[in-house]
Amino acid sequence: MSFYKLSGVVLVVSALIAIPAAAQQAVVPAQQVAEAPVNAPASVPLPAGYTIGTDDVLSIVFWRDKDMSADVVVRPDGKISLPLLNDVDAAGLTPDQLRAKLTEAASKFVTEPNATVVVKEIKSRKVFITGNVAKPGPYPLNGDMTVLQLVAVAGGLLEYADAKNIMVMRNESGRQQSFKFNYNDVTHQKHLEQNISLKPGDTVVVR
């Protein structure tokens, strides 16, 4: 009888010792979650050779430093404003270049800063169409777009448009260039080389 009683005591003591250990193990995942980095928002698809420009919307995320994180819009002067860092040049940089710049600037205030730059909206890449189309104005250029596609996006040509003498105006390295586009030819599968891919800043003039 004494043996069984002793065994019961041993089992009770073992269970009491095991409870705190289990409780400690349950706390560990919670601590790990608290220290996990905040998930950055998803970036929009970036065109080849993309650099940040005016009106682009960025999300700057500093891991473990929420006070320095913010969604920002690139101003006309090419800068963004962030807590502590104030004004930072962003236009003309790739997201990776801006991330490196922010990390260096933040190192004056934070030990081993970890910055992420996410492009939420691209508004700097625009093309323009003016003249005899249904909806003239600026249009975003977030991927490949040809002259014919832009005309279609702008609602098509008006009745009295000169479809044979549409011009594409382009500023290339400070030089003004122009390209002729014959709408009738291209829509009839002739001289398709006229249907060039547009670049940011191009203006299509429909007389």
N, C-alpha and C. Protein backbone atom coordinates (compact mmCIF):
# COMPACT_ATOMS: atom_id res chain seq x y z
N MET A 1 0.83 -1.21 0.00
CA MET A 1 0.00 0.00 0.00
C MET A 1 0.85 1.24 0.00
N SER A 2 1.90 1.28 0.79
CA SER A 2 2.75 2.47 0.84
C SER A 2 3.40 2.76 -0.50
N PHE A 3 3.70 1.66 -1.25
CA PHE A 3 4.33 1.84 -2.57
C PHE A 3 3.37 2.56 -3.51
N TYR A 4 2.08 2.14 -3.52
CA TYR A 4 1.12 2.77 -4.42
C TYR A 4 0.87 4.22 -4.04
N LYS A 5 0.81 4.51 -2.75
CA LYS A 5 0.62 5.89 -2.32
C LYS A 5 1.78 6.76 -2.77
N LEU A 6 2.99 6.21 -2.62
CA LEU A 6 4.17 6.97 -3.03
C LEU A 6 4.16 7.23 -4.52
N SER A 7 3.74 6.23 -5.30
CA SER A 7 3.67 6.40 -6.75
C SER A 7 2.67 7.49 -7.10
N GLY A 8 1.56 7.53 -6.35
CA GLY A 8 0.57 8.57 -6.61
C GLY A 8 1.11 9.94 -6.34
N VAL A 9 1.88 10.09 -5.27
CA VAL A 9 2.51 11.37 -4.94
C VAL A 9 3.46 11.79 -6.03
N VAL A 10 4.27 10.83 -6.51
CA VAL A 10 5.24 11.13 -7.58
C VAL A 10 4.54 11.62 -8.82
N LEU A 11 3.39 10.96 -9.16
CA LEU A 11 2.66 11.36 -10.35
C LEU A 11 2.09 12.77 -10.22
N VAL A 12 1.55 13.08 -9.02
CA VAL A 12 1.00 14.41 -8.79
C VAL A 12 2.07 15.48 -8.89
N VAL A 13 3.23 15.22 -8.25
CA VAL A 13 4.34 16.18 -8.28
C VAL A 13 4.82 16.39 -9.70
N SER A 14 4.93 15.29 -10.50
CA SER A 14 5.38 15.39 -11.88
C SER A 14 4.42 16.23 -12.70
N ALA A 15 3.12 16.06 -12.47
CA ALA A 15 2.14 16.84 -13.22
C ALA A 15 2.23 18.31 -12.88
N LEU A 16 2.44 18.62 -11.59
CA LEU A 16 2.57 20.02 -11.17
C LEU A 16 3.80 20.67 -11.78
N ILE A 17 4.89 19.90 -11.90
CA ILE A 17 6.11 20.44 -12.50
C ILE A 17 5.91 20.66 -13.99
N ALA A 18 5.15 19.77 -14.63
CA ALA A 18 4.96 19.85 -16.09
C ALA A 18 4.11 21.03 -16.50
N ILE A 19 3.19 21.50 -15.65
CA ILE A 19 2.27 22.57 -16.01
C ILE A 19 3.01 23.87 -16.33
N PRO A 20 3.93 24.36 -15.47
CA PRO A 20 4.64 25.60 -15.81
C PRO A 20 5.44 25.47 -17.09
N ALA A 21 6.05 24.30 -17.34
CA ALA A 21 6.84 24.12 -18.55
C ALA A 21 5.96 24.25 -19.78
N ALA A 22 4.77 23.64 -19.73
CA ALA A 22 3.85 23.73 -20.87
C ALA A 22 3.39 25.17 -21.08
N ALA A 23 3.16 25.86 -19.95
CA ALA A 23 2.73 27.26 -20.04
C ALA A 23 3.80 28.12 -20.69
N GLN A 24 5.08 27.84 -20.34
CA GLN A 24 6.18 28.60 -20.93
C GLN A 24 6.26 28.36 -22.43
N GLN A 25 6.05 27.09 -22.86
CA GLN A 25 6.10 26.78 -24.27
C GLN A 25 4.98 27.49 -25.02
N ALA A 26 3.82 27.65 -24.36
CA ALA A 26 2.70 28.31 -25.02
C ALA A 26 2.96 29.79 -25.22
N VAL A 27 3.81 30.39 -24.39
CA VAL A 27 4.10 31.82 -24.49
C VAL A 27 5.05 32.11 -25.64
N VAL A 28 5.92 31.19 -25.99
CA VAL A 28 6.97 31.44 -26.98
C VAL A 28 6.43 31.85 -28.33
N PRO A 29 5.43 31.12 -28.89
CA PRO A 29 4.93 31.56 -30.19
C PRO A 29 4.39 32.97 -30.17
N ALA A 30 3.74 33.38 -29.07
CA ALA A 30 3.21 34.75 -28.98
C ALA A 30 4.34 35.76 -29.04
N GLN A 31 5.47 35.47 -28.37
CA GLN A 31 6.60 36.38 -28.42
C GLN A 31 7.16 36.45 -29.83
N GLN A 32 7.22 35.29 -30.50
CA GLN A 32 7.75 35.28 -31.85
C GLN A 32 6.87 36.09 -32.79
N VAL A 33 5.55 35.98 -32.61
CA VAL A 33 4.63 36.74 -33.45
C VAL A 33 4.82 38.23 -33.23
N ALA A 34 5.02 38.64 -31.96
CA ALA A 34 5.19 40.05 -31.64
C ALA A 34 6.44 40.62 -32.29
N GLU A 35 7.47 39.76 -32.44
CA GLU A 35 8.72 40.25 -33.00
C GLU A 35 8.78 40.08 -34.52
N ALA A 36 7.77 39.44 -35.12
CA ALA A 36 7.79 39.20 -36.55
C ALA A 36 7.62 40.51 -37.30
N PRO A 37 8.24 40.64 -38.48
CA PRO A 37 8.12 41.88 -39.24
C PRO A 37 6.70 42.07 -39.77
N VAL A 38 6.30 43.33 -39.87
CA VAL A 38 4.99 43.65 -40.41
C VAL A 38 4.99 43.36 -41.90
N ASN A 39 3.94 42.68 -42.40
CA ASN A 39 3.87 42.37 -43.82
C ASN A 39 3.69 43.66 -44.61
N ALA A 40 4.56 43.85 -45.60
CA ALA A 40 4.46 45.04 -46.44
C ALA A 40 3.33 44.86 -47.45
N PRO A 41 2.66 45.95 -47.84
CA PRO A 41 1.60 45.83 -48.84
C PRO A 41 2.17 45.37 -50.18
N ALA A 42 1.31 44.84 -51.01
CA ALA A 42 1.75 44.33 -52.32
C ALA A 42 2.07 45.48 -53.26
N SER A 43 3.10 45.30 -54.06
CA SER A 43 3.49 46.30 -55.05
C SER A 43 2.75 46.06 -56.36
N VAL A 44 2.48 47.13 -57.09
CA VAL A 44 1.92 46.96 -58.43
C VAL A 44 3.03 46.44 -59.34
N PRO A 45 2.69 45.78 -60.45
CA PRO A 45 3.74 45.34 -61.39
C PRO A 45 4.53 46.54 -61.91
N LEU A 46 5.84 46.42 -61.89
CA LEU A 46 6.69 47.54 -62.30
C LEU A 46 7.17 47.34 -63.74
N PRO A 47 7.02 48.37 -64.59
CA PRO A 47 7.52 48.27 -65.96
C PRO A 47 9.05 48.15 -65.96
N ALA A 48 9.59 47.57 -67.02
CA ALA A 48 11.04 47.45 -67.14
C ALA A 48 11.70 48.82 -67.09
N GLY A 49 12.76 48.93 -66.31
CA GLY A 49 13.48 50.19 -66.21
C GLY A 49 12.76 51.25 -65.40
N TYR A 50 11.79 50.86 -64.62
CA TYR A 50 10.99 51.83 -63.87
C TYR A 50 11.83 52.60 -62.86
N THR A 51 11.63 53.91 -62.84
CA THR A 51 12.17 54.77 -61.78
C THR A 51 11.01 55.58 -61.19
N ILE A 52 11.13 55.93 -59.95
CA ILE A 52 10.08 56.66 -59.24
C ILE A 52 9.92 58.05 -59.84
N GLY A 53 8.68 58.50 -59.95
CA GLY A 53 8.41 59.82 -60.52
C GLY A 53 7.34 60.57 -59.76
N THR A 54 7.09 61.80 -60.19
CA THR A 54 6.10 62.67 -59.56
C THR A 54 4.72 62.03 -59.56
N ASP A 55 4.03 62.15 -58.44
CA ASP A 55 2.66 61.65 -58.23
C ASP A 55 2.60 60.16 -57.93
N ASP A 56 3.72 59.43 -58.01
CA ASP A 56 3.69 58.02 -57.65
C ASP A 56 3.38 57.88 -56.16
N VAL A 57 2.63 56.83 -55.80
CA VAL A 57 2.25 56.59 -54.41
C VAL A 57 3.11 55.45 -53.88
N LEU A 58 3.84 55.71 -52.81
CA LEU A 58 4.75 54.73 -52.22
C LEU A 58 4.34 54.41 -50.79
N SER A 59 4.64 53.19 -50.39
CA SER A 59 4.47 52.81 -48.99
C SER A 59 5.85 52.51 -48.43
N ILE A 60 6.27 53.30 -47.45
CA ILE A 60 7.57 53.13 -46.81
C ILE A 60 7.34 52.42 -45.47
N VAL A 61 7.93 51.25 -45.31
CA VAL A 61 7.74 50.45 -44.10
C VAL A 61 9.09 50.21 -43.45
N PHE A 62 9.21 50.67 -42.20
CA PHE A 62 10.38 50.38 -41.37
C PHE A 62 9.99 49.31 -40.38
N TRP A 63 10.66 48.17 -40.44
CA TRP A 63 10.37 47.07 -39.53
C TRP A 63 10.69 47.49 -38.10
N ARG A 64 9.72 47.29 -37.19
CA ARG A 64 9.81 47.63 -35.78
C ARG A 64 9.81 49.14 -35.52
N ASP A 65 9.58 49.95 -36.54
CA ASP A 65 9.54 51.40 -36.36
C ASP A 65 8.33 51.97 -37.09
N LYS A 66 7.15 51.72 -36.53
CA LYS A 66 5.92 52.16 -37.16
C LYS A 66 5.84 53.67 -37.27
N ASP A 67 6.46 54.37 -36.30
CA ASP A 67 6.38 55.83 -36.31
C ASP A 67 7.10 56.43 -37.51
N MET A 68 8.04 55.69 -38.09
CA MET A 68 8.77 56.20 -39.26
C MET A 68 8.14 55.72 -40.57
N SER A 69 7.19 54.81 -40.48
CA SER A 69 6.56 54.26 -41.68
C SER A 69 5.40 55.16 -42.11
N ALA A 70 5.17 55.21 -43.43
CA ALA A 70 4.08 56.06 -43.93
C ALA A 70 3.84 55.77 -45.40
N ASP A 71 2.61 56.06 -45.84
CA ASP A 71 2.29 56.10 -47.26
C ASP A 71 2.52 57.53 -47.73
N VAL A 72 3.24 57.68 -48.84
CA VAL A 72 3.62 59.02 -49.29
C VAL A 72 3.37 59.16 -50.79
N VAL A 73 3.20 60.40 -51.21
CA VAL A 73 3.07 60.73 -52.63
C VAL A 73 4.29 61.57 -53.03
N VAL A 74 4.90 61.23 -54.14
CA VAL A 74 6.07 61.98 -54.61
C VAL A 74 5.61 63.35 -55.09
N ARG A 75 6.18 64.39 -54.48
CA ARG A 75 5.77 65.76 -54.78
C ARG A 75 6.32 66.21 -56.13
N PRO A 76 5.80 67.34 -56.66
CA PRO A 76 6.33 67.87 -57.93
C PRO A 76 7.82 68.17 -57.90
N ASP A 77 8.38 68.44 -56.70
CA ASP A 77 9.83 68.68 -56.61
C ASP A 77 10.63 67.38 -56.52
N GLY A 78 9.93 66.24 -56.61
CA GLY A 78 10.62 64.95 -56.60
C GLY A 78 10.93 64.40 -55.22
N LYS A 79 10.45 65.05 -54.17
CA LYS A 79 10.76 64.63 -52.81
C LYS A 79 9.57 63.95 -52.15
N ILE A 80 9.86 63.19 -51.11
CA ILE A 80 8.83 62.65 -50.22
C ILE A 80 9.14 63.12 -48.81
N SER A 81 8.13 63.15 -47.95
CA SER A 81 8.31 63.57 -46.56
C SER A 81 7.99 62.41 -45.64
N LEU A 82 8.90 62.16 -44.69
CA LEU A 82 8.74 61.08 -43.72
C LEU A 82 9.03 61.59 -42.32
N PRO A 83 8.39 61.00 -41.30
CA PRO A 83 8.70 61.37 -39.92
C PRO A 83 10.18 61.19 -39.63
N LEU A 84 10.76 62.11 -38.89
CA LEU A 84 12.18 62.16 -38.51
C LEU A 84 13.10 62.47 -39.68
N LEU A 85 12.87 61.83 -40.83
CA LEU A 85 13.78 62.01 -41.97
C LEU A 85 13.47 63.27 -42.75
N ASN A 86 12.28 63.82 -42.58
CA ASN A 86 11.83 65.02 -43.30
C ASN A 86 11.83 64.77 -44.81
N ASP A 87 12.39 65.71 -45.60
CA ASP A 87 12.33 65.61 -47.06
C ASP A 87 13.46 64.72 -47.59
N VAL A 88 13.09 63.81 -48.48
CA VAL A 88 14.05 62.89 -49.08
C VAL A 88 13.82 62.87 -50.59
N ASP A 89 14.89 63.01 -51.38
CA ASP A 89 14.77 62.93 -52.84
C ASP A 89 14.40 61.51 -53.24
N ALA A 90 13.36 61.38 -54.09
CA ALA A 90 12.90 60.06 -54.51
C ALA A 90 12.82 59.93 -56.03
N ALA A 91 12.44 61.01 -56.72
CA ALA A 91 12.25 60.93 -58.17
C ALA A 91 13.56 60.58 -58.87
N GLY A 92 13.46 59.70 -59.85
CA GLY A 92 14.63 59.30 -60.61
C GLY A 92 15.35 58.10 -60.04
N LEU A 93 14.95 57.65 -58.84
CA LEU A 93 15.57 56.49 -58.21
C LEU A 93 14.71 55.24 -58.44
N THR A 94 15.36 54.08 -58.45
CA THR A 94 14.60 52.84 -58.42
C THR A 94 14.14 52.60 -56.98
N PRO A 95 13.15 51.75 -56.77
CA PRO A 95 12.74 51.44 -55.39
C PRO A 95 13.90 50.93 -54.54
N ASP A 96 14.79 50.12 -55.10
CA ASP A 96 15.94 49.61 -54.34
C ASP A 96 16.90 50.72 -53.96
N GLN A 97 17.12 51.66 -54.88
CA GLN A 97 18.00 52.79 -54.58
C GLN A 97 17.42 53.67 -53.48
N LEU A 98 16.10 53.88 -53.53
CA LEU A 98 15.45 54.68 -52.48
C LEU A 98 15.51 53.95 -51.15
N ARG A 99 15.32 52.64 -51.17
CA ARG A 99 15.40 51.85 -49.93
C ARG A 99 16.77 52.01 -49.29
N ALA A 100 17.85 51.92 -50.09
CA ALA A 100 19.20 52.08 -49.56
C ALA A 100 19.40 53.49 -48.99
N LYS A 101 18.85 54.48 -49.67
CA LYS A 101 18.99 55.87 -49.21
C LYS A 101 18.26 56.08 -47.89
N LEU A 102 17.06 55.53 -47.77
CA LEU A 102 16.29 55.67 -46.53
C LEU A 102 16.96 54.93 -45.38
N THR A 103 17.51 53.76 -45.67
CA THR A 103 18.19 52.99 -44.63
C THR A 103 19.39 53.77 -44.08
N GLU A 104 20.14 54.39 -45.00
CA GLU A 104 21.31 55.18 -44.55
C GLU A 104 20.87 56.38 -43.73
N ALA A 105 19.82 57.07 -44.19
CA ALA A 105 19.35 58.26 -43.46
C ALA A 105 18.79 57.89 -42.09
N ALA A 106 18.09 56.76 -42.01
CA ALA A 106 17.47 56.34 -40.74
C ALA A 106 18.49 55.84 -39.74
N SER A 107 19.68 55.46 -40.20
CA SER A 107 20.70 54.94 -39.28
C SER A 107 21.16 56.00 -38.28
N LYS A 108 20.87 57.26 -38.53
CA LYS A 108 21.21 58.32 -37.58
C LYS A 108 20.27 58.31 -36.37
N PHE A 109 19.10 57.68 -36.55
CA PHE A 109 18.09 57.70 -35.49
C PHE A 109 17.78 56.32 -34.93
N VAL A 110 18.02 55.27 -35.74
CA VAL A 110 17.62 53.91 -35.37
C VAL A 110 18.80 52.97 -35.56
N THR A 111 18.96 52.04 -34.64
CA THR A 111 20.02 51.04 -34.77
C THR A 111 19.59 49.97 -35.78
N GLU A 112 20.42 49.75 -36.78
CA GLU A 112 20.18 48.76 -37.82
C GLU A 112 18.77 48.87 -38.41
N PRO A 113 18.44 49.99 -39.03
CA PRO A 113 17.11 50.14 -39.63
C PRO A 113 16.91 49.19 -40.80
N ASN A 114 15.68 48.77 -40.98
CA ASN A 114 15.33 47.85 -42.07
C ASN A 114 14.14 48.45 -42.80
N ALA A 115 14.39 49.04 -43.98
CA ALA A 115 13.34 49.74 -44.73
C ALA A 115 12.89 48.92 -45.94
N THR A 116 11.62 49.07 -46.27
CA THR A 116 11.06 48.48 -47.48
C THR A 116 10.31 49.56 -48.24
N VAL A 117 10.51 49.61 -49.56
CA VAL A 117 9.82 50.58 -50.41
C VAL A 117 8.88 49.81 -51.34
N VAL A 118 7.60 50.10 -51.22
CA VAL A 118 6.58 49.43 -52.04
C VAL A 118 5.91 50.48 -52.92
N VAL A 119 5.82 50.20 -54.20
CA VAL A 119 5.14 51.09 -55.14
C VAL A 119 3.66 50.68 -55.19
N LYS A 120 2.79 51.52 -54.64
CA LYS A 120 1.36 51.20 -54.58
C LYS A 120 0.62 51.66 -55.83
N GLU A 121 1.02 52.81 -56.37
CA GLU A 121 0.39 53.33 -57.59
C GLU A 121 1.43 54.05 -58.42
N ILE A 122 1.39 53.82 -59.73
CA ILE A 122 2.28 54.53 -60.66
C ILE A 122 1.45 55.58 -61.38
N LYS A 123 1.72 56.84 -61.08
CA LYS A 123 0.99 57.94 -61.73
C LYS A 123 1.92 58.87 -62.51
N SER A 124 3.21 58.60 -62.44
CA SER A 124 4.18 59.48 -63.11
C SER A 124 4.33 59.17 -64.59
N ARG A 125 4.06 57.92 -64.97
CA ARG A 125 4.22 57.51 -66.37
C ARG A 125 2.91 57.80 -67.11
N LYS A 126 2.92 58.86 -67.90
CA LYS A 126 1.71 59.27 -68.61
C LYS A 126 2.01 59.54 -70.08
N VAL A 127 1.00 59.33 -70.91
CA VAL A 127 1.04 59.78 -72.30
C VAL A 127 -0.16 60.68 -72.51
N PHE A 128 -0.12 61.48 -73.54
CA PHE A 128 -1.15 62.48 -73.76
C PHE A 128 -1.68 62.35 -75.19
N ILE A 129 -2.96 62.61 -75.33
CA ILE A 129 -3.56 62.66 -76.67
C ILE A 129 -4.46 63.88 -76.73
N THR A 130 -4.34 64.62 -77.83
CA THR A 130 -5.08 65.87 -77.94
C THR A 130 -5.65 66.00 -79.35
N GLY A 131 -6.68 66.82 -79.50
CA GLY A 131 -7.27 67.04 -80.82
C GLY A 131 -8.59 66.31 -80.98
N ASN A 132 -8.81 65.80 -82.18
CA ASN A 132 -10.11 65.25 -82.55
C ASN A 132 -10.29 63.78 -82.15
N VAL A 133 -10.29 63.55 -80.84
CA VAL A 133 -10.65 62.25 -80.28
C VAL A 133 -11.76 62.48 -79.27
N ALA A 134 -12.46 61.40 -78.94
CA ALA A 134 -13.62 61.54 -78.05
C ALA A 134 -13.23 62.00 -76.65
N LYS A 135 -12.10 61.50 -76.13
CA LYS A 135 -11.70 61.82 -74.75
C LYS A 135 -10.22 62.21 -74.71
N PRO A 136 -9.89 63.42 -75.14
CA PRO A 136 -8.48 63.84 -75.07
C PRO A 136 -8.03 64.01 -73.62
N GLY A 137 -6.72 63.93 -73.40
CA GLY A 137 -6.19 64.14 -72.06
C GLY A 137 -5.04 63.20 -71.76
N PRO A 138 -4.57 63.20 -70.50
CA PRO A 138 -3.47 62.31 -70.10
C PRO A 138 -4.00 60.92 -69.77
N TYR A 139 -3.18 59.91 -70.03
CA TYR A 139 -3.52 58.52 -69.72
C TYR A 139 -2.31 57.84 -69.09
N PRO A 140 -2.54 56.99 -68.10
CA PRO A 140 -1.41 56.30 -67.47
C PRO A 140 -0.76 55.31 -68.43
N LEU A 141 0.56 55.20 -68.32
CA LEU A 141 1.32 54.26 -69.13
C LEU A 141 2.03 53.31 -68.18
N ASN A 142 1.35 52.25 -67.81
CA ASN A 142 1.89 51.30 -66.84
C ASN A 142 2.40 50.02 -67.49
N GLY A 143 2.39 49.99 -68.79
CA GLY A 143 2.88 48.83 -69.54
C GLY A 143 3.07 49.24 -70.99
N ASP A 144 3.13 48.27 -71.89
CA ASP A 144 3.25 48.58 -73.31
C ASP A 144 1.93 49.12 -73.85
N MET A 145 2.02 50.20 -74.62
CA MET A 145 0.84 50.77 -75.28
C MET A 145 1.28 51.37 -76.61
N THR A 146 0.56 51.02 -77.67
CA THR A 146 0.87 51.56 -78.99
C THR A 146 -0.01 52.78 -79.27
N VAL A 147 0.29 53.46 -80.38
CA VAL A 147 -0.51 54.63 -80.77
C VAL A 147 -1.96 54.23 -81.00
N LEU A 148 -2.16 53.12 -81.70
CA LEU A 148 -3.52 52.67 -81.98
C LEU A 148 -4.27 52.34 -80.69
N GLN A 149 -3.61 51.75 -79.74
CA GLN A 149 -4.25 51.44 -78.46
C GLN A 149 -4.64 52.70 -77.71
N LEU A 150 -3.78 53.73 -77.75
CA LEU A 150 -4.11 54.98 -77.07
C LEU A 150 -5.31 55.64 -77.72
N VAL A 151 -5.37 55.62 -79.06
CA VAL A 151 -6.53 56.19 -79.75
C VAL A 151 -7.81 55.47 -79.31
N ALA A 152 -7.71 54.15 -79.16
CA ALA A 152 -8.88 53.37 -78.74
C ALA A 152 -9.28 53.72 -77.31
N VAL A 153 -8.28 53.84 -76.41
CA VAL A 153 -8.56 54.18 -75.02
C VAL A 153 -9.20 55.56 -74.93
N ALA A 154 -8.81 56.47 -75.83
CA ALA A 154 -9.35 57.83 -75.84
C ALA A 154 -10.71 57.91 -76.53
N GLY A 155 -11.31 56.78 -76.83
CA GLY A 155 -12.66 56.77 -77.38
C GLY A 155 -12.75 56.81 -78.89
N GLY A 156 -11.59 56.77 -79.58
CA GLY A 156 -11.60 56.75 -81.04
C GLY A 156 -11.59 58.14 -81.65
N LEU A 157 -11.42 58.18 -82.96
CA LEU A 157 -11.36 59.45 -83.69
C LEU A 157 -12.75 60.04 -83.87
N LEU A 158 -12.82 61.37 -83.88
CA LEU A 158 -14.07 62.04 -84.19
C LEU A 158 -14.29 62.05 -85.71
N GLU A 159 -15.47 62.41 -86.10
CA GLU A 159 -15.87 62.31 -87.52
C GLU A 159 -14.96 63.09 -88.44
N TYR A 160 -14.52 64.27 -88.03
CA TYR A 160 -13.76 65.13 -88.94
C TYR A 160 -12.25 65.06 -88.67
N ALA A 161 -11.79 64.07 -87.97
CA ALA A 161 -10.36 63.92 -87.69
C ALA A 161 -9.60 63.57 -88.97
N ASP A 162 -8.40 64.10 -89.10
CA ASP A 162 -7.52 63.78 -90.22
C ASP A 162 -6.79 62.48 -89.87
N ALA A 163 -7.39 61.36 -90.19
CA ALA A 163 -6.88 60.06 -89.78
C ALA A 163 -5.55 59.71 -90.42
N LYS A 164 -5.23 60.36 -91.54
CA LYS A 164 -4.00 60.02 -92.26
C LYS A 164 -2.77 60.78 -91.74
N ASN A 165 -2.98 61.80 -90.94
CA ASN A 165 -1.87 62.67 -90.53
C ASN A 165 -1.82 62.89 -89.03
N ILE A 166 -1.89 61.81 -88.29
CA ILE A 166 -1.72 61.87 -86.83
C ILE A 166 -0.23 61.92 -86.53
N MET A 167 0.16 62.74 -85.54
CA MET A 167 1.56 62.90 -85.20
C MET A 167 1.81 62.48 -83.75
N VAL A 168 2.94 61.84 -83.55
CA VAL A 168 3.40 61.50 -82.19
C VAL A 168 4.59 62.39 -81.88
N MET A 169 4.47 63.22 -80.85
CA MET A 169 5.54 64.14 -80.45
C MET A 169 6.27 63.54 -79.24
N ARG A 170 7.61 63.55 -79.33
CA ARG A 170 8.41 62.94 -78.27
C ARG A 170 9.63 63.81 -77.97
N ASN A 171 9.92 63.98 -76.69
CA ASN A 171 11.14 64.69 -76.27
C ASN A 171 12.15 63.64 -75.83
N GLU A 172 13.20 63.46 -76.63
CA GLU A 172 14.20 62.44 -76.37
C GLU A 172 15.53 63.11 -76.08
N SER A 173 15.95 63.04 -74.81
CA SER A 173 17.23 63.63 -74.39
C SER A 173 17.33 65.10 -74.79
N GLY A 174 16.23 65.83 -74.61
CA GLY A 174 16.22 67.26 -74.91
C GLY A 174 15.95 67.59 -76.36
N ARG A 175 15.83 66.58 -77.21
CA ARG A 175 15.54 66.81 -78.63
C ARG A 175 14.09 66.47 -78.93
N GLN A 176 13.41 67.36 -79.66
CA GLN A 176 12.03 67.12 -80.02
C GLN A 176 11.97 66.26 -81.28
N GLN A 177 11.25 65.15 -81.20
CA GLN A 177 11.09 64.26 -82.34
C GLN A 177 9.62 64.12 -82.67
N SER A 178 9.33 63.77 -83.91
CA SER A 178 7.95 63.55 -84.32
C SER A 178 7.88 62.31 -85.21
N PHE A 179 6.76 61.57 -85.11
CA PHE A 179 6.54 60.36 -85.88
C PHE A 179 5.14 60.43 -86.48
N LYS A 180 5.06 60.11 -87.76
CA LYS A 180 3.77 60.15 -88.43
C LYS A 180 3.02 58.84 -88.22
N PHE A 181 1.71 58.94 -88.07
CA PHE A 181 0.87 57.76 -87.88
C PHE A 181 -0.36 57.89 -88.75
N ASN A 182 -0.51 56.94 -89.69
CA ASN A 182 -1.67 56.92 -90.58
C ASN A 182 -2.65 55.87 -90.04
N TYR A 183 -3.70 56.36 -89.44
CA TYR A 183 -4.69 55.47 -88.79
C TYR A 183 -5.31 54.51 -89.80
N ASN A 184 -5.63 55.02 -90.99
CA ASN A 184 -6.28 54.19 -92.00
C ASN A 184 -5.37 53.05 -92.45
N ASP A 185 -4.09 53.35 -92.65
CA ASP A 185 -3.15 52.31 -93.07
C ASP A 185 -3.06 51.20 -92.02
N VAL A 186 -2.85 51.60 -90.77
CA VAL A 186 -2.62 50.62 -89.71
C VAL A 186 -3.86 49.76 -89.49
N THR A 187 -5.03 50.36 -89.52
CA THR A 187 -6.24 49.57 -89.30
C THR A 187 -6.54 48.65 -90.48
N HIS A 188 -5.88 48.90 -91.63
CA HIS A 188 -6.00 48.00 -92.78
C HIS A 188 -4.75 47.13 -92.95
N GLN A 189 -3.98 47.00 -91.85
CA GLN A 189 -2.80 46.12 -91.82
C GLN A 189 -1.72 46.54 -92.81
N LYS A 190 -1.56 47.84 -93.00
CA LYS A 190 -0.52 48.36 -93.88
C LYS A 190 0.46 49.21 -93.06
N HIS A 191 1.74 49.11 -93.40
CA HIS A 191 2.78 49.94 -92.75
C HIS A 191 2.63 49.91 -91.22
N LEU A 192 2.61 48.72 -90.69
CA LEU A 192 2.38 48.55 -89.25
C LEU A 192 3.51 49.10 -88.41
N GLU A 193 4.67 49.36 -89.02
CA GLU A 193 5.79 49.92 -88.26
C GLU A 193 5.47 51.31 -87.71
N GLN A 194 4.44 51.96 -88.27
CA GLN A 194 4.02 53.27 -87.75
C GLN A 194 3.42 53.16 -86.34
N ASN A 195 2.89 52.01 -86.04
CA ASN A 195 2.18 51.82 -84.77
C ASN A 195 3.20 51.57 -83.66
N ILE A 196 3.96 52.61 -83.33
CA ILE A 196 5.08 52.47 -82.40
C ILE A 196 4.59 52.36 -80.95
N SER A 197 5.44 51.78 -80.11
CA SER A 197 5.16 51.75 -78.67
C SER A 197 5.44 53.12 -78.08
N LEU A 198 4.54 53.60 -77.28
CA LEU A 198 4.67 54.92 -76.68
C LEU A 198 5.60 54.89 -75.48
N LYS A 199 6.20 56.06 -75.22
CA LYS A 199 7.06 56.23 -74.06
C LYS A 199 6.46 57.30 -73.15
N PRO A 200 6.81 57.26 -71.85
CA PRO A 200 6.28 58.29 -70.94
C PRO A 200 6.57 59.70 -71.47
N GLY A 201 5.54 60.54 -71.47
CA GLY A 201 5.68 61.91 -71.92
C GLY A 201 5.29 62.13 -73.38
N ASP A 202 5.08 61.07 -74.15
CA ASP A 202 4.67 61.22 -75.56
C ASP A 202 3.32 61.90 -75.65
N THR A 203 3.16 62.71 -76.71
CA THR A 203 1.89 63.36 -77.00
C THR A 203 1.44 62.99 -78.40
N VAL A 204 0.24 62.45 -78.52
CA VAL A 204 -0.34 62.11 -79.83
C VAL A 204 -1.28 63.24 -80.22
N VAL A 205 -1.03 63.83 -81.41
CA VAL A 205 -1.81 64.97 -81.89
C VAL A 205 -2.69 64.52 -83.05
N VAL A 206 -3.98 64.63 -82.86
CA VAL A 206 -4.95 64.26 -83.89
C VAL A 206 -5.58 65.55 -84.42
N ARG A 207 -5.29 65.88 -85.65
CA ARG A 207 -5.81 67.13 -86.20
C ARG A 207 -7.26 66.95 -86.66
